[in-house]
């Protein structure tokens, strides 16, 4: 089980599960890459942080291998800000000030 349904770059994500062999190492993978690990406790339960090394928007399956195979899914959400209005405002202010300066010194 993953503690949230979706993450953005930099968000923390945690996986937990039970049914593993006691004291066994749990390896978490996604898309063939290791994204975390932990040891199961004496009851076969574990909790581990999940860290994606690649940021790719979309649904990703996280697989926990620990004598049994457990799966969960998370959506990676990538947002971006265009910032276009700020750049336009700076250019507009520059030309207004340049125009005032040109008129003043005529």
C-alpha atoms as a PDB file:
ATOM      1  CA  UNK A   1       0.000   0.000   0.000  1.00  0.00           C
ATOM      2  CA  UNK A   2       1.292   3.450  -0.892  1.00  0.00           C
ATOM      3  CA  UNK A   3       0.460   6.362   1.409  1.00  0.00           C
ATOM      4  CA  UNK A   4      -0.784   8.646  -1.379  1.00  0.00           C
ATOM      5  CA  UNK A   5      -2.336   8.143  -4.828  1.00  0.00           C
ATOM      6  CA  UNK A   6      -0.154  10.713  -6.625  1.00  0.00           C
ATOM      7  CA  UNK A   7       3.119  12.575  -6.151  1.00  0.00           C
ATOM      8  CA  UNK A   8       4.901  15.530  -7.677  1.00  0.00           C
ATOM      9  CA  UNK A   9       8.697  15.758  -7.963  1.00  0.00           C
ATOM     10  CA  UNK A  10      10.169  16.130  -4.482  1.00  0.00           C
ATOM     11  CA  UNK A  11       7.122  14.753  -2.631  1.00  0.00           C
ATOM     12  CA  UNK A  12       7.714  12.030  -0.071  1.00  0.00           C
ATOM     13  CA  UNK A  13       6.124   8.643  -0.699  1.00  0.00           C
ATOM     14  CA  UNK A  14       5.980   5.663   1.636  1.00  0.00           C
ATOM     15  CA  UNK A  15       5.129   2.022   0.944  1.00  0.00           C
ATOM     16  CA  UNK A  16       3.899  -0.412   3.573  1.00  0.00           C
ATOM     17  CA  UNK A  17       2.757  -3.992   3.483  1.00  0.00           C
ATOM     18  CA  UNK A  18       2.463  -7.244   5.334  1.00  0.00           C
ATOM     19  CA  UNK A  19       2.715 -10.916   4.491  1.00  0.00           C
ATOM     20  CA  UNK A  20       6.463 -10.989   3.959  1.00  0.00           C
ATOM     21  CA  UNK A  21       8.718 -13.572   5.491  1.00  0.00           C
ATOM     22  CA  UNK A  22       9.810 -12.254   8.931  1.00  0.00           C
ATOM     23  CA  UNK A  23      13.126 -10.344   8.978  1.00  0.00           C
ATOM     24  CA  UNK A  24      13.478 -10.625   5.201  1.00  0.00           C
ATOM     25  CA  UNK A  25      14.782  -7.762   3.085  1.00  0.00           C
ATOM     26  CA  UNK A  26      12.060  -6.066   1.053  1.00  0.00           C
ATOM     27  CA  UNK A  27      13.143  -4.609  -2.291  1.00  0.00           C
ATOM     28  CA  UNK A  28      10.885  -2.053  -3.972  1.00  0.00           C
ATOM     29  CA  UNK A  29      11.112  -1.629  -7.737  1.00  0.00           C
ATOM     30  CA  UNK A  30       9.275   0.371 -10.365  1.00  0.00           C
ATOM     31  CA  UNK A  31       9.779   0.071 -14.107  1.00  0.00           C
ATOM     32  CA  UNK A  32      12.740  -2.253 -13.439  1.00  0.00           C
ATOM     33  CA  UNK A  33      14.572   0.269 -11.212  1.00  0.00           C
ATOM     34  CA  UNK A  34      15.049  -0.054  -7.452  1.00  0.00           C
ATOM     35  CA  UNK A  35      13.122   2.702  -5.651  1.00  0.00           C
ATOM     36  CA  UNK A  36      13.487   1.609  -2.025  1.00  0.00           C
ATOM     37  CA  UNK A  37      14.198  -1.124   0.481  1.00  0.00           C
ATOM     38  CA  UNK A  38      13.525  -2.116   4.080  1.00  0.00           C
ATOM     39  CA  UNK A  39      13.440  -5.177   6.331  1.00  0.00           C
ATOM     40  CA  UNK A  40      10.226  -6.890   7.339  1.00  0.00           C
ATOM     41  CA  UNK A  41       9.640  -7.044  11.086  1.00  0.00           C
ATOM     42  CA  UNK A  42       8.996 -10.220  13.075  1.00  0.00           C
ATOM     43  CA  UNK A  43       5.337 -10.242  11.968  1.00  0.00           C
ATOM     44  CA  UNK A  44       6.251  -9.829   8.269  1.00  0.00           C
ATOM     45  CA  UNK A  45       5.186  -6.167   8.019  1.00  0.00           C
ATOM     46  CA  UNK A  46       7.328  -3.355   6.567  1.00  0.00           C
ATOM     47  CA  UNK A  47       7.317   0.370   5.873  1.00  0.00           C
ATOM     48  CA  UNK A  48       9.804   1.920   3.437  1.00  0.00           C
ATOM     49  CA  UNK A  49      10.366   5.277   1.748  1.00  0.00           C
ATOM     50  CA  UNK A  50       9.979   5.263  -2.041  1.00  0.00           C
ATOM     51  CA  UNK A  51      12.305   7.471  -4.098  1.00  0.00           C
ATOM     52  CA  UNK A  52      11.980   7.651  -7.871  1.00  0.00           C
ATOM     53  CA  UNK A  53      15.249   8.421  -9.653  1.00  0.00           C
ATOM     54  CA  UNK A  54      13.470   9.422 -12.868  1.00  0.00           C
ATOM     55  CA  UNK A  55      10.586  11.828 -13.145  1.00  0.00           C
ATOM     56  CA  UNK A  56       8.113  10.617 -15.740  1.00  0.00           C
ATOM     57  CA  UNK A  57       4.503  11.689 -15.681  1.00  0.00           C
ATOM     58  CA  UNK A  58       1.972   8.883 -15.554  1.00  0.00           C
ATOM     59  CA  UNK A  59       0.998   5.823 -13.535  1.00  0.00           C
ATOM     60  CA  UNK A  60       3.810   3.746 -12.067  1.00  0.00           C
ATOM     61  CA  UNK A  61       3.511   0.332 -10.444  1.00  0.00           C
ATOM     62  CA  UNK A  62       5.644  -0.231  -7.351  1.00  0.00           C
ATOM     63  CA  UNK A  63       6.492  -3.890  -6.658  1.00  0.00           C
ATOM     64  CA  UNK A  64       7.668  -5.163  -3.260  1.00  0.00           C
ATOM     65  CA  UNK A  65       9.583  -8.456  -3.363  1.00  0.00           C
ATOM     66  CA  UNK A  66       9.962 -10.186  -0.005  1.00  0.00           C
ATOM     67  CA  UNK A  67       9.209 -13.851  -0.459  1.00  0.00           C
ATOM     68  CA  UNK A  68       5.836 -12.769  -1.833  1.00  0.00           C
ATOM     69  CA  UNK A  69       5.123 -10.141  -4.444  1.00  0.00           C
ATOM     70  CA  UNK A  70       3.067  -7.093  -3.406  1.00  0.00           C
ATOM     71  CA  UNK A  71       2.089  -4.286  -5.791  1.00  0.00           C
ATOM     72  CA  UNK A  72       0.713  -0.775  -5.597  1.00  0.00           C
ATOM     73  CA  UNK A  73       0.347   2.074  -8.066  1.00  0.00           C
ATOM     74  CA  UNK A  74       1.060   5.797  -7.903  1.00  0.00           C
ATOM     75  CA  UNK A  75       0.627   8.617 -10.414  1.00  0.00           C
ATOM     76  CA  UNK A  76       3.559  10.954 -10.959  1.00  0.00           C
ATOM     77  CA  UNK A  77       2.238  14.417 -11.743  1.00  0.00           C
ATOM     78  CA  UNK A  78       4.491  16.958 -13.408  1.00  0.00           C
ATOM     79  CA  UNK A  79       3.316  20.553 -13.535  1.00  0.00           C
ATOM     80  CA  UNK A  80       5.018  23.552 -14.990  1.00  0.00           C
ATOM     81  CA  UNK A  81       4.588  27.278 -14.806  1.00  0.00           C
ATOM     82  CA  UNK A  82       5.026  29.323 -17.940  1.00  0.00           C
ATOM     83  CA  UNK A  83       5.885  32.613 -16.219  1.00  0.00           C
ATOM     84  CA  UNK A  84       5.119  34.405 -19.488  1.00  0.00           C
ATOM     85  CA  UNK A  85       3.286  37.308 -17.879  1.00  0.00           C
ATOM     86  CA  UNK A  86       6.264  38.284 -15.719  1.00  0.00           C
ATOM     87  CA  UNK A  87       8.595  38.468 -18.721  1.00  0.00           C
ATOM     88  CA  UNK A  88       6.079  40.513 -20.703  1.00  0.00           C
ATOM     89  CA  UNK A  89       5.662  42.946 -17.799  1.00  0.00           C
ATOM     90  CA  UNK A  90       9.426  43.498 -17.510  1.00  0.00           C
ATOM     91  CA  UNK A  91       9.725  44.241 -21.248  1.00  0.00           C
ATOM     92  CA  UNK A  92       6.738  46.614 -21.126  1.00  0.00           C
ATOM     93  CA  UNK A  93       8.197  48.558 -18.159  1.00  0.00           C
ATOM     94  CA  UNK A  94      11.563  48.789 -19.937  1.00  0.00           C
ATOM     95  CA  UNK A  95      10.040  50.330 -23.077  1.00  0.00           C
ATOM     96  CA  UNK A  96       7.863  52.745 -21.080  1.00  0.00           C
ATOM     97  CA  UNK A  97      10.900  53.979 -19.139  1.00  0.00           C
ATOM     98  CA  UNK A  98      12.972  54.221 -22.343  1.00  0.00           C
ATOM     99  CA  UNK A  99      10.179  56.223 -24.007  1.00  0.00           C
ATOM    100  CA  UNK A 100       9.905  58.621 -21.056  1.00  0.00           C
ATOM    101  CA  UNK A 101      13.671  59.102 -21.054  1.00  0.00           C
ATOM    102  CA  UNK A 102      13.721  59.803 -24.831  1.00  0.00           C
ATOM    103  CA  UNK A 103      10.890  62.352 -24.589  1.00  0.00           C
ATOM    104  CA  UNK A 104      12.387  64.080 -21.543  1.00  0.00           C
ATOM    105  CA  UNK A 105      15.807  64.681 -23.105  1.00  0.00           C
ATOM    106  CA  UNK A 106      14.525  65.894 -26.480  1.00  0.00           C
END
